[in-house]
Amino acid sequence: MAARGDRYKDAPPDGTEGNDPPLPRTIKEPPAGASPQSILAETDKLLAVRTIGLPRDLFTGIAGQFVAGWHARAAAESPSQLGDHLVPLPAAFLHTRERELTDTLADLLITLSGLMRR
């Protein structure tokens, strides 16, 4: 069985694969609530971001306010506009989004485990 993120490795440059929505739009979507399906969806998003392969130290030495500003600007744009920018804007978005997705997954797991105890 292939890993969940493997489907993104050979995706076309526009981020689409078959009938899937473009990758940037998929990554931007908020979670759908605490359920096993939303955990799988958030895991897919996280794996898609990690498959891109941004170096962990990409923004080392750059003030966090710059990265946060680039992320905010990229988050406000449509997926088609995001591809029109130089590397720092989409890279900052993906770098920050990876952290957000990790936090979201942790929150969903905590919430779901609390629901299961009831």
C-alpha atoms as a PDB file:
ATOM      1  CA  MET A   1       0.000   0.000   0.000  1.00  0.00           C
ATOM      2  CA  ALA A   2       1.385   3.406  -0.958  1.00  0.00           C
ATOM      3  CA  ALA A   3       1.847   6.148   1.605  1.00  0.00           C
ATOM      4  CA  ARG A   4      -0.918   8.743   1.750  1.00  0.00           C
ATOM      5  CA  GLY A   5       1.316  11.553   0.438  1.00  0.00           C
ATOM      6  CA  ASP A   6       2.617   9.544  -2.539  1.00  0.00           C
ATOM      7  CA  ARG A   7      -0.203  10.736  -4.753  1.00  0.00           C
ATOM      8  CA  TYR A   8       1.296  14.257  -4.738  1.00  0.00           C
ATOM      9  CA  LYS A   9       4.809  13.263  -5.827  1.00  0.00           C
ATOM     10  CA  ASP A  10       4.020  13.143  -9.555  1.00  0.00           C
ATOM     11  CA  ALA A  11       1.219  15.726  -9.583  1.00  0.00           C
ATOM     12  CA  PRO A  12       1.176  18.150 -12.520  1.00  0.00           C
ATOM     13  CA  PRO A  13       2.712  21.611 -11.956  1.00  0.00           C
ATOM     14  CA  ASP A  14      -0.696  23.245 -11.548  1.00  0.00           C
ATOM     15  CA  GLY A  15      -1.267  21.131  -8.443  1.00  0.00           C
ATOM     16  CA  THR A  16      -4.140  19.127  -9.881  1.00  0.00           C
ATOM     17  CA  GLU A  17      -4.474  15.399 -10.102  1.00  0.00           C
ATOM     18  CA  GLY A  18      -7.422  13.918 -11.926  1.00  0.00           C
ATOM     19  CA  ASN A  19     -10.559  15.331 -10.343  1.00  0.00           C
ATOM     20  CA  ASP A  20      -8.801  16.594  -7.211  1.00  0.00           C
ATOM     21  CA  PRO A  21      -8.933  20.355  -6.547  1.00  0.00           C
ATOM     22  CA  PRO A  22      -5.686  22.287  -7.074  1.00  0.00           C
ATOM     23  CA  LEU A  23      -3.182  21.599  -4.316  1.00  0.00           C
ATOM     24  CA  PRO A  24      -2.953  25.185  -2.966  1.00  0.00           C
ATOM     25  CA  ARG A  25      -6.743  25.382  -2.596  1.00  0.00           C
ATOM     26  CA  THR A  26      -6.826  22.006  -0.857  1.00  0.00           C
ATOM     27  CA  ILE A  27      -4.080  23.042   1.559  1.00  0.00           C
ATOM     28  CA  LYS A  28      -5.894  26.282   2.416  1.00  0.00           C
ATOM     29  CA  GLU A  29      -9.193  24.599   3.364  1.00  0.00           C
ATOM     30  CA  PRO A  30     -10.042  24.642   7.087  1.00  0.00           C
ATOM     31  CA  PRO A  31     -10.713  21.373   8.936  1.00  0.00           C
ATOM     32  CA  ALA A  32     -14.265  20.030   8.884  1.00  0.00           C
ATOM     33  CA  GLY A  33     -14.502  19.274  12.609  1.00  0.00           C
ATOM     34  CA  ALA A  34     -13.348  16.451  14.841  1.00  0.00           C
ATOM     35  CA  SER A  35     -13.913  13.189  12.996  1.00  0.00           C
ATOM     36  CA  PRO A  36     -11.735  10.390  11.649  1.00  0.00           C
ATOM     37  CA  GLN A  37     -12.382  11.729   8.123  1.00  0.00           C
ATOM     38  CA  SER A  38     -11.168  15.221   9.009  1.00  0.00           C
ATOM     39  CA  ILE A  39      -8.024  13.751  10.592  1.00  0.00           C
ATOM     40  CA  LEU A  40      -7.327  11.869   7.355  1.00  0.00           C
ATOM     41  CA  ALA A  41      -7.991  15.015   5.293  1.00  0.00           C
ATOM     42  CA  GLU A  42      -5.637  17.109   7.449  1.00  0.00           C
ATOM     43  CA  THR A  43      -3.020  14.351   7.272  1.00  0.00           C
ATOM     44  CA  ASP A  44      -3.273  14.424   3.471  1.00  0.00           C
ATOM     45  CA  LYS A  45      -2.743  18.198   3.492  1.00  0.00           C
ATOM     46  CA  LEU A  46       0.275  17.899   5.782  1.00  0.00           C
ATOM     47  CA  LEU A  47       1.804  15.161   3.641  1.00  0.00           C
ATOM     48  CA  ALA A  48       1.191  17.219   0.502  1.00  0.00           C
ATOM     49  CA  VAL A  49       3.053  20.179   2.003  1.00  0.00           C
ATOM     50  CA  ARG A  50       5.908  17.954   3.161  1.00  0.00           C
ATOM     51  CA  THR A  51       6.134  16.257  -0.247  1.00  0.00           C
ATOM     52  CA  ILE A  52       7.058  19.625  -1.746  1.00  0.00           C
ATOM     53  CA  GLY A  53      10.286  19.290   0.214  1.00  0.00           C
ATOM     54  CA  LEU A  54      10.963  22.742   1.607  1.00  0.00           C
ATOM     55  CA  PRO A  55      14.153  22.696   3.666  1.00  0.00           C
ATOM     56  CA  ARG A  56      13.450  22.960   7.405  1.00  0.00           C
ATOM     57  CA  ASP A  57      15.998  25.793   7.709  1.00  0.00           C
ATOM     58  CA  LEU A  58      14.655  27.736   4.720  1.00  0.00           C
ATOM     59  CA  PHE A  59      13.827  30.836   6.753  1.00  0.00           C
ATOM     60  CA  THR A  60      16.619  30.622   9.301  1.00  0.00           C
ATOM     61  CA  GLY A  61      18.065  34.086   9.773  1.00  0.00           C
ATOM     62  CA  ILE A  62      14.965  35.829   8.417  1.00  0.00           C
ATOM     63  CA  ALA A  63      12.859  37.775  10.900  1.00  0.00           C
ATOM     64  CA  GLY A  64       9.633  36.005  11.785  1.00  0.00           C
ATOM     65  CA  GLN A  65       7.637  39.135  11.013  1.00  0.00           C
ATOM     66  CA  PHE A  66       8.707  38.917   7.351  1.00  0.00           C
ATOM     67  CA  VAL A  67       7.723  35.252   7.100  1.00  0.00           C
ATOM     68  CA  ALA A  68       4.407  35.985   8.857  1.00  0.00           C
ATOM     69  CA  GLY A  69       3.741  38.871   6.485  1.00  0.00           C
ATOM     70  CA  TRP A  70       4.472  36.765   3.417  1.00  0.00           C
ATOM     71  CA  HIS A  71       2.246  34.011   4.798  1.00  0.00           C
ATOM     72  CA  ALA A  72      -0.642  36.414   5.452  1.00  0.00           C
ATOM     73  CA  ARG A  73      -0.337  37.864   1.974  1.00  0.00           C
ATOM     74  CA  ALA A  74      -0.246  34.418   0.350  1.00  0.00           C
ATOM     75  CA  ALA A  75      -3.157  33.161   2.459  1.00  0.00           C
ATOM     76  CA  ALA A  76      -5.328  36.016   1.217  1.00  0.00           C
ATOM     77  CA  GLU A  77      -4.715  35.248  -2.448  1.00  0.00           C
ATOM     78  CA  SER A  78      -6.384  32.749  -4.733  1.00  0.00           C
ATOM     79  CA  PRO A  79      -4.411  29.644  -5.735  1.00  0.00           C
ATOM     80  CA  SER A  80      -4.020  30.961  -9.292  1.00  0.00           C
ATOM     81  CA  GLN A  81      -2.489  34.221  -8.036  1.00  0.00           C
ATOM     82  CA  LEU A  82      -0.171  32.417  -5.635  1.00  0.00           C
ATOM     83  CA  GLY A  83       1.791  30.885  -8.499  1.00  0.00           C
ATOM     84  CA  ASP A  84       2.513  34.316  -9.968  1.00  0.00           C
ATOM     85  CA  HIS A  85       4.838  35.344  -7.117  1.00  0.00           C
ATOM     86  CA  LEU A  86       8.501  34.916  -6.502  1.00  0.00           C
ATOM     87  CA  VAL A  87       9.543  32.047  -4.271  1.00  0.00           C
ATOM     88  CA  PRO A  88       9.418  33.701  -0.807  1.00  0.00           C
ATOM     89  CA  LEU A  89       5.652  34.258  -0.792  1.00  0.00           C
ATOM     90  CA  PRO A  90       4.448  30.715  -1.592  1.00  0.00           C
ATOM     91  CA  ALA A  91       7.350  29.174   0.336  1.00  0.00           C
ATOM     92  CA  ALA A  92       6.488  31.221   3.442  1.00  0.00           C
ATOM     93  CA  PHE A  93       2.863  30.176   3.106  1.00  0.00           C
ATOM     94  CA  LEU A  94       3.770  26.478   2.870  1.00  0.00           C
ATOM     95  CA  HIS A  95       6.352  26.725   5.648  1.00  0.00           C
ATOM     96  CA  THR A  96       3.845  28.290   8.037  1.00  0.00           C
ATOM     97  CA  ARG A  97       0.952  26.124   6.831  1.00  0.00           C
ATOM     98  CA  GLU A  98       2.942  22.992   7.679  1.00  0.00           C
ATOM     99  CA  ARG A  99       3.140  24.158  11.288  1.00  0.00           C
ATOM    100  CA  GLU A 100      -0.546  25.085  11.336  1.00  0.00           C
ATOM    101  CA  LEU A 101      -1.546  21.692   9.952  1.00  0.00           C
ATOM    102  CA  THR A 102       0.563  19.929  12.585  1.00  0.00           C
ATOM    103  CA  ASP A 103      -1.142  21.964  15.319  1.00  0.00           C
ATOM    104  CA  THR A 104      -4.569  21.320  13.798  1.00  0.00           C
ATOM    105  CA  LEU A 105      -3.938  17.575  13.690  1.00  0.00           C
ATOM    106  CA  ALA A 106      -2.902  17.583  17.340  1.00  0.00           C
ATOM    107  CA  ASP A 107      -6.033  19.560  18.282  1.00  0.00           C
ATOM    108  CA  LEU A 108      -8.276  17.208  16.287  1.00  0.00           C
ATOM    109  CA  LEU A 109      -6.731  14.139  17.906  1.00  0.00           C
ATOM    110  CA  ILE A 110      -7.164  15.611  21.387  1.00  0.00           C
ATOM    111  CA  THR A 111     -10.780  16.564  20.657  1.00  0.00           C
ATOM    112  CA  LEU A 112     -11.586  13.194  19.111  1.00  0.00           C
ATOM    113  CA  SER A 113     -10.008  11.280  21.994  1.00  0.00           C
ATOM    114  CA  GLY A 114     -12.100  13.372  24.423  1.00  0.00           C
ATOM    115  CA  LEU A 115     -15.257  12.517  22.469  1.00  0.00           C
ATOM    116  CA  MET A 116     -14.382   8.824  22.540  1.00  0.00           C
ATOM    117  CA  ARG A 117     -14.095   8.827  26.347  1.00  0.00           C
ATOM    118  CA  ARG A 118     -17.724   9.886  26.777  1.00  0.00           C
END
